[in-house]
Structures are given as structure tokens and as C-alpha cells.
Amino acid sequence: MAVLRQQALATSANDSYAWIVARMKPQIVDFIHDKPINQRKMIDIVNFIRNNPEEFPEWHNSDMAKLFSPPKFVNKKENKGYWF
């Protein structure tokens, strides 16, 4: 968040941060006016960050990023039991 705030205040933010800031500002204004947050737009912002790890290394090295990459279950024939 600190980097995002710095980029939002910078006069020469890079294109990726400018893209995020342009989409976040209306969300913040709506929230201040007691309007609901647009979930679809927030998902688009998060996916943009997730799909650009070189642009957002702070997020990709955070605990929050780990929540978006849960361990994958692998079903093996030798395991006993049924999954429905």
C-alpha cells in the first residue's frame, strides 16, 4: 500500500500504477459516499497485479499473495478413500 500511495501521488507514475490508481479512485470516492464497492472492478485490479509480478514485486512477496496460491491437491491411485 505504501508503494501504491507513493505512485498515486507521484507526477510520473509508471503505466501499471497509473492504471491501478485510475481504477481505484472511483472506488474510494464511492466508498466515501456510502456506496458499495464494485466487486468486479476490484477483482480486475487484483488480477492485473497478479498477472504482472515484475511490476508489483512487493505484492508478490507478501503474505496476501500466498492466499491466492493455495497448495494444490493431487489425487493418487494408491491413496485410499473416496472424494465426492
PDB file of N, CA and C in Angstrom:
ATOM      1  N   MET A   1       0.824  -1.189   0.000  1.00  0.00           N
ATOM      2  CA  MET A   1       0.000   0.000   0.000  1.00  0.00           C
ATOM      3  C   MET A   1       0.865   1.249   0.000  1.00  0.00           C
ATOM      4  N   ALA A   2       1.996   1.203   0.688  1.00  0.00           N
ATOM      5  CA  ALA A   2       2.860   2.384   0.732  1.00  0.00           C
ATOM      6  C   ALA A   2       3.360   2.745  -0.670  1.00  0.00           C
ATOM      7  N   VAL A   3       3.772   1.736  -1.428  1.00  0.00           N
ATOM      8  CA  VAL A   3       4.259   1.989  -2.793  1.00  0.00           C
ATOM      9  C   VAL A   3       3.118   2.503  -3.662  1.00  0.00           C
ATOM     10  N   LEU A   4       1.943   1.938  -3.527  1.00  0.00           N
ATOM     11  CA  LEU A   4       0.790   2.383  -4.299  1.00  0.00           C
ATOM     12  C   LEU A   4       0.447   3.838  -3.975  1.00  0.00           C
ATOM     13  N   ARG A   5       0.495   4.187  -2.687  1.00  0.00           N
ATOM     14  CA  ARG A   5       0.230   5.581  -2.304  1.00  0.00           C
ATOM     15  C   ARG A   5       1.285   6.521  -2.886  1.00  0.00           C
ATOM     16  N   GLN A   6       2.541   6.122  -2.820  1.00  0.00           N
ATOM     17  CA  GLN A   6       3.611   6.953  -3.383  1.00  0.00           C
ATOM     18  C   GLN A   6       3.400   7.157  -4.878  1.00  0.00           C
ATOM     19  N   GLN A   7       3.056   6.088  -5.570  1.00  0.00           N
ATOM     20  CA  GLN A   7       2.846   6.179  -7.012  1.00  0.00           C
ATOM     21  C   GLN A   7       1.613   7.034  -7.343  1.00  0.00           C
ATOM     22  N   ALA A   8       0.597   6.960  -6.501  1.00  0.00           N
ATOM     23  CA  ALA A   8      -0.611   7.756  -6.732  1.00  0.00           C
ATOM     24  C   ALA A   8      -0.312   9.241  -6.602  1.00  0.00           C
ATOM     25  N   LEU A   9       0.617   9.590  -5.719  1.00  0.00           N
ATOM     26  CA  LEU A   9       0.976  10.992  -5.504  1.00  0.00           C
ATOM     27  C   LEU A   9       2.066  11.482  -6.455  1.00  0.00           C
ATOM     28  N   ALA A  10       2.763  10.551  -7.069  1.00  0.00           N
ATOM     29  CA  ALA A  10       3.866  10.921  -7.965  1.00  0.00           C
ATOM     30  C   ALA A  10       3.324  11.545  -9.244  1.00  0.00           C
ATOM     31  N   THR A  11       4.067  12.492  -9.751  1.00  0.00           N
ATOM     32  CA  THR A  11       3.649  13.135 -11.000  1.00  0.00           C
ATOM     33  C   THR A  11       3.997  12.273 -12.206  1.00  0.00           C
ATOM     34  N   SER A  12       4.919  11.335 -12.020  1.00  0.00           N
ATOM     35  CA  SER A  12       5.323  10.486 -13.141  1.00  0.00           C
ATOM     36  C   SER A  12       5.223   9.005 -12.761  1.00  0.00           C
ATOM     37  N   ALA A  13       4.035   8.570 -12.373  1.00  0.00           N
ATOM     38  CA  ALA A  13       3.832   7.158 -12.030  1.00  0.00           C
ATOM     39  C   ALA A  13       3.969   6.313 -13.284  1.00  0.00           C
ATOM     40  N   ASN A  14       4.499   5.101 -13.101  1.00  0.00           N
ATOM     41  CA  ASN A  14       4.609   4.234 -14.283  1.00  0.00           C
ATOM     42  C   ASN A  14       3.217   3.795 -14.736  1.00  0.00           C
ATOM     43  N   ASP A  15       3.133   3.274 -15.929  1.00  0.00           N
ATOM     44  CA  ASP A  15       1.835   2.962 -16.539  1.00  0.00           C
ATOM     45  C   ASP A  15       1.012   1.969 -15.724  1.00  0.00           C
ATOM     46  N   SER A  16       1.668   0.987 -15.140  1.00  0.00           N
ATOM     47  CA  SER A  16       0.939  -0.026 -14.377  1.00  0.00           C
ATOM     48  C   SER A  16       0.293   0.580 -13.141  1.00  0.00           C
ATOM     49  N   TYR A  17       1.044   1.384 -12.418  1.00  0.00           N
ATOM     50  CA  TYR A  17       0.475   2.028 -11.236  1.00  0.00           C
ATOM     51  C   TYR A  17      -0.585   3.045 -11.631  1.00  0.00           C
ATOM     52  N   ALA A  18      -0.372   3.753 -12.726  1.00  0.00           N
ATOM     53  CA  ALA A  18      -1.365   4.718 -13.199  1.00  0.00           C
ATOM     54  C   ALA A  18      -2.671   4.005 -13.540  1.00  0.00           C
ATOM     55  N   TRP A  19      -2.583   2.822 -14.123  1.00  0.00           N
ATOM     56  CA  TRP A  19      -3.766   2.034 -14.459  1.00  0.00           C
ATOM     57  C   TRP A  19      -4.548   1.694 -13.190  1.00  0.00           C
ATOM     58  N   ILE A  20      -3.834   1.244 -12.163  1.00  0.00           N
ATOM     59  CA  ILE A  20      -4.482   0.879 -10.902  1.00  0.00           C
ATOM     60  C   ILE A  20      -5.093   2.104 -10.224  1.00  0.00           C
ATOM     61  N   VAL A  21      -4.325   3.178 -10.145  1.00  0.00           N
ATOM     62  CA  VAL A  21      -4.803   4.390  -9.477  1.00  0.00           C
ATOM     63  C   VAL A  21      -6.060   4.920 -10.167  1.00  0.00           C
ATOM     64  N   ALA A  22      -6.077   4.912 -11.480  1.00  0.00           N
ATOM     65  CA  ALA A  22      -7.235   5.404 -12.223  1.00  0.00           C
ATOM     66  C   ALA A  22      -8.486   4.579 -11.921  1.00  0.00           C
ATOM     67  N   ARG A  23      -8.329   3.311 -11.615  1.00  0.00           N
ATOM     68  CA  ARG A  23      -9.479   2.455 -11.317  1.00  0.00           C
ATOM     69  C   ARG A  23      -9.823   2.429  -9.832  1.00  0.00           C
ATOM     70  N   MET A  24      -8.863   2.743  -8.980  1.00  0.00           N
ATOM     71  CA  MET A  24      -9.119   2.753  -7.546  1.00  0.00           C
ATOM     72  C   MET A  24      -9.788   4.035  -7.069  1.00  0.00           C
ATOM     73  N   LYS A  25      -9.443   5.160  -7.654  1.00  0.00           N
ATOM     74  CA  LYS A  25     -10.000   6.431  -7.189  1.00  0.00           C
ATOM     75  C   LYS A  25     -11.529   6.444  -7.192  1.00  0.00           C
ATOM     76  N   PRO A  26     -12.194   6.019  -8.274  1.00  0.00           N
ATOM     77  CA  PRO A  26     -13.667   5.995  -8.230  1.00  0.00           C
ATOM     78  C   PRO A  26     -14.210   5.054  -7.155  1.00  0.00           C
ATOM     79  N   GLN A  27     -13.499   3.958  -6.902  1.00  0.00           N
ATOM     80  CA  GLN A  27     -13.922   3.026  -5.856  1.00  0.00           C
ATOM     81  C   GLN A  27     -13.868   3.705  -4.488  1.00  0.00           C
ATOM     82  N   ILE A  28     -12.804   4.446  -4.248  1.00  0.00           N
ATOM     83  CA  ILE A  28     -12.632   5.137  -2.969  1.00  0.00           C
ATOM     84  C   ILE A  28     -13.693   6.218  -2.808  1.00  0.00           C
ATOM     85  N   VAL A  29     -13.951   6.971  -3.867  1.00  0.00           N
ATOM     86  CA  VAL A  29     -14.979   8.018  -3.812  1.00  0.00           C
ATOM     87  C   VAL A  29     -16.345   7.400  -3.524  1.00  0.00           C
ATOM     88  N   ASP A  30     -16.672   6.306  -4.185  1.00  0.00           N
ATOM     89  CA  ASP A  30     -17.943   5.627  -3.923  1.00  0.00           C
ATOM     90  C   ASP A  30     -18.029   5.156  -2.475  1.00  0.00           C
ATOM     91  N   PHE A  31     -16.945   4.617  -1.957  1.00  0.00           N
ATOM     92  CA  PHE A  31     -16.918   4.136  -0.574  1.00  0.00           C
ATOM     93  C   PHE A  31     -17.143   5.290   0.401  1.00  0.00           C
ATOM     94  N   ILE A  32     -16.521   6.424   0.142  1.00  0.00           N
ATOM     95  CA  ILE A  32     -16.691   7.603   1.000  1.00  0.00           C
ATOM     96  C   ILE A  32     -18.152   8.058   0.993  1.00  0.00           C
ATOM     97  N   HIS A  33     -18.819   7.892  -0.140  1.00  0.00           N
ATOM     98  CA  HIS A  33     -20.223   8.287  -0.255  1.00  0.00           C
ATOM     99  C   HIS A  33     -21.188   7.144   0.104  1.00  0.00           C
ATOM    100  N   ASP A  34     -20.698   6.197   0.874  1.00  0.00           N
ATOM    101  CA  ASP A  34     -21.500   5.065   1.358  1.00  0.00           C
ATOM    102  C   ASP A  34     -22.117   4.221   0.247  1.00  0.00           C
ATOM    103  N   LYS A  35     -21.448   4.164  -0.883  1.00  0.00           N
ATOM    104  CA  LYS A  35     -21.891   3.285  -1.965  1.00  0.00           C
ATOM    105  C   LYS A  35     -21.090   1.988  -1.878  1.00  0.00           C
ATOM    106  N   PRO A  36     -21.653   0.895  -2.333  1.00  0.00           N
ATOM    107  CA  PRO A  36     -20.920  -0.376  -2.256  1.00  0.00           C
ATOM    108  C   PRO A  36     -19.731  -0.407  -3.216  1.00  0.00           C
ATOM    109  N   ILE A  37     -18.746  -1.169  -2.826  1.00  0.00           N
ATOM    110  CA  ILE A  37     -17.572  -1.355  -3.675  1.00  0.00           C
ATOM    111  C   ILE A  37     -17.954  -2.289  -4.817  1.00  0.00           C
ATOM    112  N   ASN A  38     -17.537  -1.953  -6.012  1.00  0.00           N
ATOM    113  CA  ASN A  38     -17.810  -2.775  -7.182  1.00  0.00           C
ATOM    114  C   ASN A  38     -16.839  -3.963  -7.174  1.00  0.00           C
ATOM    115  N   GLN A  39     -17.356  -5.120  -6.827  1.00  0.00           N
ATOM    116  CA  GLN A  39     -16.511  -6.314  -6.686  1.00  0.00           C
ATOM    117  C   GLN A  39     -15.827  -6.697  -7.993  1.00  0.00           C
ATOM    118  N   ARG A  40     -16.528  -6.574  -9.106  1.00  0.00           N
ATOM    119  CA  ARG A  40     -15.947  -6.944 -10.401  1.00  0.00           C
ATOM    120  C   ARG A  40     -14.731  -6.080 -10.706  1.00  0.00           C
ATOM    121  N   LYS A  41     -14.832  -4.780 -10.444  1.00  0.00           N
ATOM    122  CA  LYS A  41     -13.704  -3.886 -10.699  1.00  0.00           C
ATOM    123  C   LYS A  41     -12.536  -4.190  -9.767  1.00  0.00           C
ATOM    124  N   MET A  42     -12.829  -4.526  -8.530  1.00  0.00           N
ATOM    125  CA  MET A  42     -11.757  -4.868  -7.591  1.00  0.00           C
ATOM    126  C   MET A  42     -11.064  -6.165  -8.008  1.00  0.00           C
ATOM    127  N   ILE A  43     -11.832  -7.119  -8.489  1.00  0.00           N
ATOM    128  CA  ILE A  43     -11.249  -8.374  -8.978  1.00  0.00           C
ATOM    129  C   ILE A  43     -10.340  -8.092 -10.171  1.00  0.00           C
ATOM    130  N   ASP A  44     -10.773  -7.206 -11.058  1.00  0.00           N
ATOM    131  CA  ASP A  44      -9.946  -6.845 -12.215  1.00  0.00           C
ATOM    132  C   ASP A  44      -8.632  -6.213 -11.776  1.00  0.00           C
ATOM    133  N   ILE A  45      -8.670  -5.373 -10.763  1.00  0.00           N
ATOM    134  CA  ILE A  45      -7.454  -4.724 -10.256  1.00  0.00           C
ATOM    135  C   ILE A  45      -6.514  -5.759  -9.652  1.00  0.00           C
ATOM    136  N   VAL A  46      -7.053  -6.631  -8.826  1.00  0.00           N
ATOM    137  CA  VAL A  46      -6.223  -7.670  -8.197  1.00  0.00           C
ATOM    138  C   VAL A  46      -5.634  -8.599  -9.250  1.00  0.00           C
ATOM    139  N   ASN A  47      -6.422  -8.978 -10.240  1.00  0.00           N
ATOM    140  CA  ASN A  47      -5.904  -9.849 -11.299  1.00  0.00           C
ATOM    141  C   ASN A  47      -4.812  -9.157 -12.108  1.00  0.00           C
ATOM    142  N   PHE A  48      -4.949  -7.862 -12.324  1.00  0.00           N
ATOM    143  CA  PHE A  48      -3.907  -7.113 -13.020  1.00  0.00           C
ATOM    144  C   PHE A  48      -2.593  -7.174 -12.235  1.00  0.00           C
ATOM    145  N   ILE A  49      -2.685  -7.012 -10.925  1.00  0.00           N
ATOM    146  CA  ILE A  49      -1.493  -7.096 -10.075  1.00  0.00           C
ATOM    147  C   ILE A  49      -0.930  -8.515 -10.106  1.00  0.00           C
ATOM    148  N   ARG A  50      -1.785  -9.507 -10.008  1.00  0.00           N
ATOM    149  CA  ARG A  50      -1.346 -10.903 -10.008  1.00  0.00           C
ATOM    150  C   ARG A  50      -0.676 -11.292 -11.319  1.00  0.00           C
ATOM    151  N   ASN A  51      -1.153 -10.734 -12.431  1.00  0.00           N
ATOM    152  CA  ASN A  51      -0.623 -11.092 -13.743  1.00  0.00           C
ATOM    153  C   ASN A  51       0.600 -10.297 -14.153  1.00  0.00           C
ATOM    154  N   ASN A  52       1.061  -9.395 -13.295  1.00  0.00           N
ATOM    155  CA  ASN A  52       2.236  -8.575 -13.597  1.00  0.00           C
ATOM    156  C   ASN A  52       3.221  -8.593 -12.432  1.00  0.00           C
ATOM    157  N   PRO A  53       3.808  -9.752 -12.148  1.00  0.00           N
ATOM    158  CA  PRO A  53       4.699  -9.855 -10.984  1.00  0.00           C
ATOM    159  C   PRO A  53       5.939  -8.973 -11.077  1.00  0.00           C
ATOM    160  N   GLU A  54       6.432  -8.722 -12.287  1.00  0.00           N
ATOM    161  CA  GLU A  54       7.624  -7.875 -12.417  1.00  0.00           C
ATOM    162  C   GLU A  54       7.325  -6.419 -12.077  1.00  0.00           C
ATOM    163  N   GLU A  55       6.067  -6.006 -12.222  1.00  0.00           N
ATOM    164  CA  GLU A  55       5.674  -4.629 -11.919  1.00  0.00           C
ATOM    165  C   GLU A  55       5.347  -4.428 -10.439  1.00  0.00           C
ATOM    166  N   PHE A  56       4.932  -5.499  -9.766  1.00  0.00           N
ATOM    167  CA  PHE A  56       4.471  -5.406  -8.383  1.00  0.00           C
ATOM    168  C   PHE A  56       5.158  -6.435  -7.488  1.00  0.00           C
ATOM    169  N   PRO A  57       6.478  -6.360  -7.360  1.00  0.00           N
ATOM    170  CA  PRO A  57       7.189  -7.365  -6.558  1.00  0.00           C
ATOM    171  C   PRO A  57       6.816  -7.320  -5.079  1.00  0.00           C
ATOM    172  N   GLU A  58       6.435  -6.146  -4.578  1.00  0.00           N
ATOM    173  CA  GLU A  58       6.063  -6.034  -3.160  1.00  0.00           C
ATOM    174  C   GLU A  58       4.863  -6.919  -2.855  1.00  0.00           C
ATOM    175  N   TRP A  59       3.878  -6.886  -3.752  1.00  0.00           N
ATOM    176  CA  TRP A  59       2.682  -7.686  -3.518  1.00  0.00           C
ATOM    177  C   TRP A  59       2.991  -9.173  -3.676  1.00  0.00           C
ATOM    178  N   HIS A  60       3.767  -9.521  -4.680  1.00  0.00           N
ATOM    179  CA  HIS A  60       4.053 -10.931  -4.947  1.00  0.00           C
ATOM    180  C   HIS A  60       4.928 -11.568  -3.874  1.00  0.00           C
ATOM    181  N   ASN A  61       5.590 -10.761  -3.080  1.00  0.00           N
ATOM    182  CA  ASN A  61       6.404 -11.275  -1.975  1.00  0.00           C
ATOM    183  C   ASN A  61       5.683 -11.139  -0.638  1.00  0.00           C
ATOM    184  N   SER A  62       4.409 -10.803  -0.668  1.00  0.00           N
ATOM    185  CA  SER A  62       3.657 -10.576   0.564  1.00  0.00           C
ATOM    186  C   SER A  62       2.875 -11.822   0.983  1.00  0.00           C
ATOM    187  N   ASP A  63       2.388 -11.783   2.221  1.00  0.00           N
ATOM    188  CA  ASP A  63       1.535 -12.866   2.714  1.00  0.00           C
ATOM    189  C   ASP A  63       0.203 -12.902   1.968  1.00  0.00           C
ATOM    190  N   MET A  64      -0.255 -11.746   1.517  1.00  0.00           N
ATOM    191  CA  MET A  64      -1.517 -11.690   0.772  1.00  0.00           C
ATOM    192  C   MET A  64      -1.419 -12.496  -0.520  1.00  0.00           C
ATOM    193  N   ALA A  65      -0.302 -12.415  -1.197  1.00  0.00           N
ATOM    194  CA  ALA A  65      -0.127 -13.157  -2.450  1.00  0.00           C
ATOM    195  C   ALA A  65      -0.226 -14.661  -2.210  1.00  0.00           C
ATOM    196  N   LYS A  66       0.239 -15.118  -1.050  1.00  0.00           N
ATOM    197  CA  LYS A  66       0.178 -16.547  -0.738  1.00  0.00           C
ATOM    198  C   LYS A  66      -1.261 -17.043  -0.639  1.00  0.00           C
ATOM    199  N   LEU A  67      -2.178 -16.161  -0.258  1.00  0.00           N
ATOM    200  CA  LEU A  67      -3.582 -16.555  -0.176  1.00  0.00           C
ATOM    201  C   LEU A  67      -4.171 -16.861  -1.542  1.00  0.00           C
ATOM    202  N   PHE A  68      -3.567 -16.314  -2.589  1.00  0.00           N
ATOM    203  CA  PHE A  68      -4.046 -16.539  -3.946  1.00  0.00           C
ATOM    204  C   PHE A  68      -3.357 -17.730  -4.604  1.00  0.00           C
ATOM    205  N   SER A  69      -2.466 -18.386  -3.896  1.00  0.00           N
ATOM    206  CA  SER A  69      -1.764 -19.563  -4.418  1.00  0.00           C
ATOM    207  C   SER A  69      -1.803 -20.691  -3.389  1.00  0.00           C
ATOM    208  N   PRO A  70      -2.986 -21.239  -3.144  1.00  0.00           N
ATOM    209  CA  PRO A  70      -3.070 -22.315  -2.161  1.00  0.00           C
ATOM    210  C   PRO A  70      -2.382 -23.570  -2.670  1.00  0.00           C
ATOM    211  N   PRO A  71      -1.999 -24.464  -1.769  1.00  0.00           N
ATOM    212  CA  PRO A  71      -1.389 -25.721  -2.219  1.00  0.00           C
ATOM    213  C   PRO A  71      -2.392 -26.518  -3.045  1.00  0.00           C
ATOM    214  N   LYS A  72      -1.878 -27.196  -4.048  1.00  0.00           N
ATOM    215  CA  LYS A  72      -2.747 -27.958  -4.947  1.00  0.00           C
ATOM    216  C   LYS A  72      -2.847 -29.404  -4.474  1.00  0.00           C
ATOM    217  N   PHE A  73      -4.071 -29.891  -4.437  1.00  0.00           N
ATOM    218  CA  PHE A  73      -4.315 -31.279  -4.061  1.00  0.00           C
ATOM    219  C   PHE A  73      -4.059 -32.176  -5.256  1.00  0.00           C
ATOM    220  N   VAL A  74      -3.351 -33.254  -5.013  1.00  0.00           N
ATOM    221  CA  VAL A  74      -3.090 -34.243  -6.059  1.00  0.00           C
ATOM    222  C   VAL A  74      -3.656 -35.570  -5.583  1.00  0.00           C
ATOM    223  N   ASN A  75      -4.587 -36.095  -6.342  1.00  0.00           N
ATOM    224  CA  ASN A  75      -5.194 -37.374  -6.013  1.00  0.00           C
ATOM    225  C   ASN A  75      -4.347 -38.488  -6.627  1.00  0.00           C
ATOM    226  N   LYS A  76      -3.950 -39.448  -5.813  1.00  0.00           N
ATOM    227  CA  LYS A  76      -3.124 -40.563  -6.286  1.00  0.00           C
ATOM    228  C   LYS A  76      -3.908 -41.852  -6.132  1.00  0.00           C
ATOM    229  N   LYS A  77      -3.718 -42.761  -7.096  1.00  0.00           N
ATOM    230  CA  LYS A  77      -4.445 -44.032  -7.070  1.00  0.00           C
ATOM    231  C   LYS A  77      -4.135 -44.846  -5.826  1.00  0.00           C
ATOM    232  N   GLU A  78      -2.910 -44.750  -5.327  1.00  0.00           N
ATOM    233  CA  GLU A  78      -2.545 -45.572  -4.171  1.00  0.00           C
ATOM    234  C   GLU A  78      -3.143 -45.039  -2.865  1.00  0.00           C
ATOM    235  N   ASN A  79      -3.649 -43.812  -2.864  1.00  0.00           N
ATOM    236  CA  ASN A  79      -4.327 -43.284  -1.666  1.00  0.00           C
ATOM    237  C   ASN A  79      -5.676 -43.970  -1.502  1.00  0.00           C
ATOM    238  N   LYS A  80      -6.048 -44.257  -0.261  1.00  0.00           N
ATOM    239  CA  LYS A  80      -7.306 -44.924  -0.015  1.00  0.00           C
ATOM    240  C   LYS A  80      -8.361 -43.892   0.346  1.00  0.00           C
ATOM    241  N   GLY A  81      -9.562 -44.149  -0.055  1.00  0.00           N
ATOM    242  CA  GLY A  81     -10.676 -43.261   0.275  1.00  0.00           C
ATOM    243  C   GLY A  81     -11.350 -42.748  -0.968  1.00  0.00           C
ATOM    244  N   TYR A  82     -12.486 -42.154  -0.760  1.00  0.00           N
ATOM    245  CA  TYR A  82     -13.281 -41.622  -1.860  1.00  0.00           C
ATOM    246  C   TYR A  82     -13.510 -40.130  -1.625  1.00  0.00           C
ATOM    247  N   TRP A  83     -13.487 -39.390  -2.697  1.00  0.00           N
ATOM    248  CA  TRP A  83     -13.783 -37.969  -2.641  1.00  0.00           C
ATOM    249  C   TRP A  83     -14.985 -37.709  -3.521  1.00  0.00           C
ATOM    250  N   PHE A  84     -15.979 -37.064  -2.964  1.00  0.00           N
ATOM    251  CA  PHE A  84     -17.196 -36.767  -3.726  1.00  0.00           C
ATOM    252  C   PHE A  84     -17.296 -35.295  -3.975  1.00  0.00           C
TER     253      PHE A  84
END
